[in-house]
Amino acid sequence: MSIRPNVSGFSLSKLQSLAGCREESLLRKLEALVVADYQDPQSINGIIKQYIMDGAPFPGLDTETRLHCMAANSLANFDQIHTRTDSNFWKWPGAFEDLAKHRKTASPELSRILSYLENGRPLFGRRFDGDSVWYVYLTHNELDLVMQEIKPPSVNKKQLWDPEYMDNLLSKGYIHPWQYDEEKSGMTDTTNMTFDKAFAMWCKTFHDAGQDLWLFCS
């Protein structure tokens, strides 16, 4: 099975605000979502509980497992709507080769960012166990650094938007709120670009919206 990157815009501050907040009501909501979405929910919820109650990084945790990655993705998606992209059109790690070539001219700061994209950026521990599932977050300022090196292509966005029709679909539950927002934003089709150009385009979209970047690779 091929590994696909799922890139989206999100709020890192919302994710970080959950660390050590010790709010039982939030914990109960998260636990219910995990039970509905994942196998082995008990183990994943144990990780989430530690994050909610004690914060991160976790003392003594050197290597994150697949379960930690699932927990991180649940936390990153909790109580916020991501700006979605068509990033899972690409296969990983082949797609990363387009980004890696920029290391030849990269500043130390950008080289650090590219290393995150290649190896992941754990919340709870120091590294990943080499499984096919991992994740990365980039801050708003780090997106700016990416765009300085990898220039987003100029494109003409074409948007077909019928508010009455889309509002009706949303109100009847035919589409999810994130699908509604994706249509409204008029996200550019990037599947005809190289991955580095598409990535720069997503960085610009998120940066312009005041967001950070989340990448979950599975």
Protein backbone atom coordinates (compact mmCIF):
# COMPACT_ATOMS: atom_id res chain seq x y z
CA MET A 1 0.00 0.00 0.00
CA SER A 2 1.40 3.40 -0.98
CA ILE A 3 1.99 6.06 1.64
CA ARG A 4 0.14 9.31 1.01
CA PRO A 5 0.76 12.76 2.53
CA ASN A 6 -2.30 14.59 3.84
CA VAL A 7 -1.45 18.29 4.06
CA SER A 8 -3.84 20.79 5.61
CA GLY A 9 -3.95 24.20 7.24
CA PHE A 10 -4.77 24.30 10.93
CA SER A 11 -4.18 26.17 14.19
CA LEU A 12 -1.10 24.98 16.06
CA SER A 13 -2.04 27.17 19.01
CA LYS A 14 -5.34 25.28 19.38
CA LEU A 15 -3.46 22.00 19.44
CA GLN A 16 -0.94 23.30 21.96
CA SER A 17 -3.68 24.76 24.15
CA LEU A 18 -4.88 21.21 24.84
CA ALA A 19 -1.53 20.23 26.37
CA GLY A 20 -1.89 20.11 30.13
CA CYS A 21 -5.27 21.87 30.10
CA ARG A 22 -6.69 19.13 32.38
CA GLU A 23 -10.25 19.67 31.11
CA GLU A 24 -12.21 16.49 31.66
CA SER A 25 -15.04 17.53 29.31
CA LEU A 26 -12.61 17.90 26.39
CA LEU A 27 -11.03 14.58 27.25
CA ARG A 28 -14.39 12.82 27.17
CA LYS A 29 -15.20 14.29 23.74
CA LEU A 30 -11.83 13.28 22.33
CA GLU A 31 -12.13 9.77 23.72
CA ALA A 32 -15.54 9.32 22.08
CA LEU A 33 -14.16 10.42 18.70
CA VAL A 34 -11.24 8.00 18.94
CA VAL A 35 -13.53 5.08 19.80
CA ALA A 36 -15.53 5.86 16.65
CA ASP A 37 -12.56 6.31 14.32
CA TYR A 38 -9.69 3.98 15.29
CA GLN A 39 -8.71 0.47 16.17
CA ASP A 40 -7.17 0.04 19.63
CA PRO A 41 -8.90 3.17 20.99
CA GLN A 42 -7.92 2.34 24.57
CA SER A 43 -4.20 2.76 23.85
CA ILE A 44 -4.70 5.91 21.77
CA ASN A 45 -6.93 7.45 24.43
CA GLY A 46 -4.28 6.73 27.05
CA ILE A 47 -1.84 8.87 25.06
CA ILE A 48 -4.42 11.62 24.62
CA LYS A 49 -5.20 11.60 28.33
CA GLN A 50 -1.53 12.03 29.20
CA TYR A 51 -1.30 14.99 26.79
CA ILE A 52 -4.44 16.63 28.20
CA MET A 53 -3.50 16.04 31.83
CA ASP A 54 0.28 16.40 31.83
CA GLY A 55 1.27 18.17 28.62
CA ALA A 56 4.19 17.29 26.32
CA PRO A 57 6.82 16.09 25.70
CA PHE A 58 6.28 12.93 27.72
CA PRO A 59 9.04 12.26 30.27
CA GLY A 60 11.12 9.23 29.32
CA LEU A 61 9.49 8.73 25.90
CA ASP A 62 12.23 8.43 23.30
CA THR A 63 10.40 6.85 20.35
CA GLU A 64 6.83 7.45 19.23
CA THR A 65 4.81 4.57 17.81
CA ARG A 66 2.01 4.38 15.28
CA LEU A 67 -0.45 4.82 18.16
CA HIS A 68 1.19 8.11 19.16
CA CYS A 69 0.76 9.31 15.58
CA MET A 70 -2.92 8.44 15.59
CA ALA A 71 -3.33 10.27 18.88
CA ALA A 72 -1.52 13.34 17.54
CA ASN A 73 -3.76 13.44 14.47
CA SER A 74 -6.88 13.24 16.63
CA LEU A 75 -5.62 16.11 18.79
CA ALA A 76 -4.66 18.21 15.76
CA ASN A 77 -8.14 17.82 14.26
CA PHE A 78 -10.10 18.33 17.47
CA ASP A 79 -12.47 21.32 17.61
CA GLN A 80 -11.11 22.95 14.45
CA ILE A 81 -11.80 22.79 10.72
CA HIS A 82 -8.72 22.22 8.60
CA THR A 83 -8.15 23.78 5.20
CA ARG A 84 -7.87 20.66 3.06
CA THR A 85 -5.75 20.10 -0.05
CA ASP A 86 -5.40 17.51 -2.80
CA SER A 87 -2.02 16.42 -1.42
CA ASN A 88 -2.89 12.72 -1.25
CA PHE A 89 -2.66 12.69 -5.04
CA TRP A 90 1.09 12.16 -4.49
CA LYS A 91 2.94 9.14 -3.14
CA TRP A 92 5.53 9.37 -0.38
CA PRO A 93 8.54 9.35 -0.17
CA GLY A 94 8.78 9.98 -3.93
CA ALA A 95 7.08 13.34 -3.56
CA PHE A 96 9.70 14.47 -1.07
CA GLU A 97 12.41 14.27 -3.74
CA ASP A 98 11.02 17.47 -5.25
CA LEU A 99 11.44 19.21 -1.90
CA ALA A 100 14.81 17.65 -1.04
CA LYS A 101 16.51 19.17 -4.09
CA HIS A 102 16.12 22.60 -2.48
CA ARG A 103 18.57 21.62 0.26
CA LYS A 104 21.41 22.52 -2.09
CA THR A 105 20.58 26.21 -1.74
CA ALA A 106 18.69 26.14 1.55
CA SER A 107 19.53 28.28 4.53
CA PRO A 108 20.14 26.44 7.82
CA GLU A 109 16.60 27.35 8.88
CA LEU A 110 15.01 25.93 5.73
CA SER A 111 17.22 22.84 5.90
CA ARG A 112 15.83 22.22 9.38
CA ILE A 113 12.26 22.54 8.06
CA LEU A 114 12.97 20.14 5.21
CA SER A 115 14.39 17.63 7.67
CA TYR A 116 11.06 17.74 9.53
CA LEU A 117 9.20 17.01 6.31
CA GLU A 118 11.45 14.05 5.62
CA ASN A 119 11.58 12.56 9.12
CA GLY A 120 8.52 13.90 10.95
CA ARG A 121 8.24 16.23 13.94
CA PRO A 122 6.99 14.44 17.05
CA LEU A 123 4.94 16.07 19.79
CA PHE A 124 5.37 13.51 22.55
CA GLY A 125 8.81 11.96 22.10
CA ARG A 126 12.09 12.53 20.26
CA ARG A 127 11.63 10.46 17.09
CA PHE A 128 9.45 7.90 15.32
CA ASP A 129 9.81 4.12 15.25
CA GLY A 130 10.13 3.90 11.45
CA ASP A 131 6.51 2.91 10.82
CA SER A 132 4.70 4.20 7.75
CA VAL A 133 2.61 6.64 9.80
CA TRP A 134 4.07 9.92 11.04
CA TYR A 135 3.25 13.61 11.11
CA VAL A 136 4.72 17.11 10.85
CA TYR A 137 3.60 20.56 11.93
CA LEU A 138 5.05 23.81 10.60
CA THR A 139 4.45 27.19 12.19
CA HIS A 140 3.12 30.24 10.38
CA ASN A 141 6.62 31.76 10.35
CA GLU A 142 8.14 28.54 9.01
CA LEU A 143 5.71 28.65 6.09
CA ASP A 144 7.13 32.06 5.24
CA LEU A 145 10.65 30.58 5.16
CA VAL A 146 9.51 27.84 2.79
CA MET A 147 8.01 30.38 0.39
CA GLN A 148 11.21 32.45 0.37
CA GLU A 149 13.09 29.47 -1.11
CA ILE A 150 10.33 27.73 -3.09
CA LYS A 151 8.32 30.36 -4.91
CA PRO A 152 4.60 29.57 -5.19
CA PRO A 153 3.50 29.57 -8.84
CA SER A 154 1.13 32.24 -10.07
CA VAL A 155 -2.26 30.75 -10.91
CA ASN A 156 -5.69 32.02 -11.78
CA LYS A 157 -8.20 30.56 -9.37
CA LYS A 158 -11.53 29.59 -10.87
CA GLN A 159 -14.36 29.40 -8.41
CA LEU A 160 -17.90 28.16 -8.92
CA TRP A 161 -19.88 29.10 -5.85
CA ASP A 162 -23.63 29.10 -5.39
CA PRO A 163 -24.27 30.11 -1.75
CA GLU A 164 -27.93 29.07 -1.67
CA TYR A 165 -27.19 25.64 -3.15
CA MET A 166 -24.19 24.99 -0.90
CA ASP A 167 -25.98 26.24 2.22
CA ASN A 168 -28.80 23.82 1.45
CA LEU A 169 -26.38 20.89 1.11
CA LEU A 170 -24.71 21.80 4.40
CA SER A 171 -27.97 22.27 6.32
CA LYS A 172 -29.22 18.84 5.19
CA GLY A 173 -25.97 17.13 6.12
CA TYR A 174 -25.08 16.13 2.55
CA ILE A 175 -21.60 17.65 2.89
CA HIS A 176 -19.25 18.20 5.83
CA PRO A 177 -18.38 21.71 7.07
CA TRP A 178 -14.80 21.27 5.87
CA GLN A 179 -16.08 20.42 2.36
CA TYR A 180 -18.22 23.55 2.43
CA ASP A 181 -15.24 25.68 3.45
CA GLU A 182 -13.01 24.03 0.85
CA GLU A 183 -15.46 24.85 -1.93
CA LYS A 184 -15.90 28.39 -0.67
CA SER A 185 -12.16 29.04 -0.51
CA GLY A 186 -11.71 28.01 -4.14
CA MET A 187 -8.59 25.93 -3.46
CA THR A 188 -6.35 25.59 -6.50
CA ASP A 189 -6.02 22.24 -8.25
CA THR A 190 -2.32 21.44 -7.79
CA THR A 191 -2.19 17.92 -9.22
CA ASN A 192 -0.52 19.14 -12.42
CA MET A 193 2.38 20.70 -10.47
CA THR A 194 5.54 19.17 -9.08
CA PHE A 195 5.18 18.45 -5.37
CA ASP A 196 7.50 21.27 -4.28
CA LYS A 197 5.48 23.86 -6.22
CA ALA A 198 2.22 22.44 -4.90
CA PHE A 199 3.63 22.48 -1.38
CA ALA A 200 4.64 26.13 -1.75
CA MET A 201 1.13 26.90 -3.00
CA TRP A 202 -0.41 25.27 0.06
CA CYS A 203 2.02 27.13 2.33
CA LYS A 204 0.90 30.42 0.77
CA THR A 205 -2.78 29.53 1.16
CA PHE A 206 -2.34 28.68 4.83
CA HIS A 207 -0.01 31.64 5.49
CA ASP A 208 -2.46 34.10 3.92
CA ALA A 209 -5.20 32.64 6.13
CA GLY A 210 -3.07 33.05 9.28
CA GLN A 211 -2.78 29.26 9.69
CA ASP A 212 -0.04 26.76 10.38
CA LEU A 213 0.54 23.50 8.48
CA TRP A 214 -0.28 19.93 9.46
CA LEU A 215 1.00 16.91 7.50
CA PHE A 216 -0.18 13.44 8.41
CA CYS A 217 1.45 10.72 6.35
CA SER A 218 -0.23 7.32 6.25
